[in-house]
Amino acid sequence: MNGTRLEFGLRARHLAARTLAVGAVLSASVLLAACGRVEPWVKPYERERLADPIMAWDRAAISSSYLGHVRENREGAKGGTGAGGGGCGCN
């Protein structure tokens, strides 16, 4: 009776170790697969289409762009409507 418990315990440990090893190999293969060559999803010739004012967050992007142009011409000042800073996020 004691021998079967011992065999069962060894089998359970062996199964647990084997499962852990398989899991480690699968995890390593997934992580190493992410180290492949990264290519941009957007091709350079497609960026022009994606930079269209219609893709802006504003509901009426084209008309608000036009109204901004009219406002700049009326006031004689250009710019100052965006956020300040050089893009580093420190402002």
Foldseek 3Di string as FASTA:
>chain_A
DVVVVVVVVVVVVVVVVVVVVVVVVVVVVVVVVVVDDDDDPADPVRVVVCPDQPVDPDPCRVVVVVVLVVVCVVVVHDDPPDDDDDPPPPD
